[in-house]
Amino acid sequence: MIWEEVEEKYGKEIADKMKKSKMMCGITMSLRADGKTDIPERDIELAYKDVMGKPIHPLEWD
């Protein structure tokens, strides 16, 4: 998922908070052929849960 898709799905305000989430540290991203960064949806979902104050089980964080 590219960042523009994250902003579209969650809204810019929440996406900006997600960007600062500790769940976004140390994630593995890939570079697409068009030069955009692809972020794993699982990591996006964990950042969303973190921002919203939802519990994250240790097994969810790889």
Protein backbone atom coordinates (compact mmCIF):
# COMPACT_ATOMS: atom_id res chain seq x y z
CA MET A 1 0.00 0.00 0.00
CA ILE A 2 1.50 3.37 -0.96
CA TRP A 3 1.19 6.32 1.40
CA GLU A 4 -1.37 8.09 -0.79
CA GLU A 5 -3.63 5.05 -0.37
CA VAL A 6 -3.16 5.18 3.41
CA GLU A 7 -4.21 8.84 3.45
CA GLU A 8 -7.21 8.04 1.26
CA LYS A 9 -8.31 5.10 3.43
CA TYR A 10 -7.77 6.60 6.90
CA GLY A 11 -7.77 10.34 6.24
CA LYS A 12 -4.78 12.68 6.34
CA GLU A 13 -5.05 13.50 10.07
CA ILE A 14 -5.00 9.84 11.18
CA ALA A 15 -2.36 8.97 8.54
CA ASP A 16 -0.06 11.69 9.90
CA LYS A 17 -0.44 10.24 13.40
CA MET A 18 0.20 6.74 12.05
CA LYS A 19 3.40 7.97 10.40
CA LYS A 20 4.72 8.90 13.88
CA SER A 21 3.60 5.62 15.48
CA LYS A 22 6.20 3.34 17.04
CA MET A 23 4.68 0.56 14.92
CA MET A 24 6.16 2.19 11.80
CA CYS A 25 9.73 1.92 13.10
CA GLY A 26 11.79 -0.89 11.64
CA ILE A 27 9.27 -2.03 9.05
CA THR A 28 10.39 -3.55 5.76
CA MET A 29 9.19 -1.69 2.68
CA SER A 30 9.68 -2.42 -0.98
CA LEU A 31 10.22 -0.14 -3.93
CA ARG A 32 7.72 -0.52 -6.74
CA ALA A 33 8.62 -0.25 -10.43
CA ASP A 34 7.05 3.23 -10.54
CA GLY A 35 9.43 4.40 -7.79
CA LYS A 36 6.83 4.58 -5.01
CA THR A 37 7.36 2.92 -1.65
CA ASP A 38 5.09 -0.05 -0.90
CA ILE A 39 4.29 -0.47 2.80
CA PRO A 40 2.92 -3.84 3.99
CA GLU A 41 -0.78 -3.54 4.91
CA ARG A 42 -0.15 -5.48 8.12
CA ASP A 43 2.21 -2.73 9.32
CA ILE A 44 -0.32 -0.06 8.36
CA GLU A 45 -3.01 -1.88 10.36
CA LEU A 46 -0.73 -2.11 13.41
CA ALA A 47 0.05 1.61 13.21
CA TYR A 48 -3.69 2.32 13.02
CA LYS A 49 -4.37 0.17 16.08
CA ASP A 50 -1.57 1.94 17.95
CA VAL A 51 -2.92 5.41 17.09
CA MET A 52 -6.46 4.42 18.07
CA GLY A 53 -5.29 2.96 21.40
CA LYS A 54 -6.36 -0.57 20.54
CA PRO A 55 -4.39 -3.45 22.08
CA ILE A 56 -1.73 -5.12 19.96
CA HIS A 57 -0.85 -8.69 20.84
CA PRO A 58 2.91 -9.43 20.85
CA LEU A 59 2.43 -12.08 18.15
CA GLU A 60 1.02 -9.45 15.78
CA TRP A 61 4.32 -7.59 15.72
CA ASP A 62 6.85 -9.60 13.72
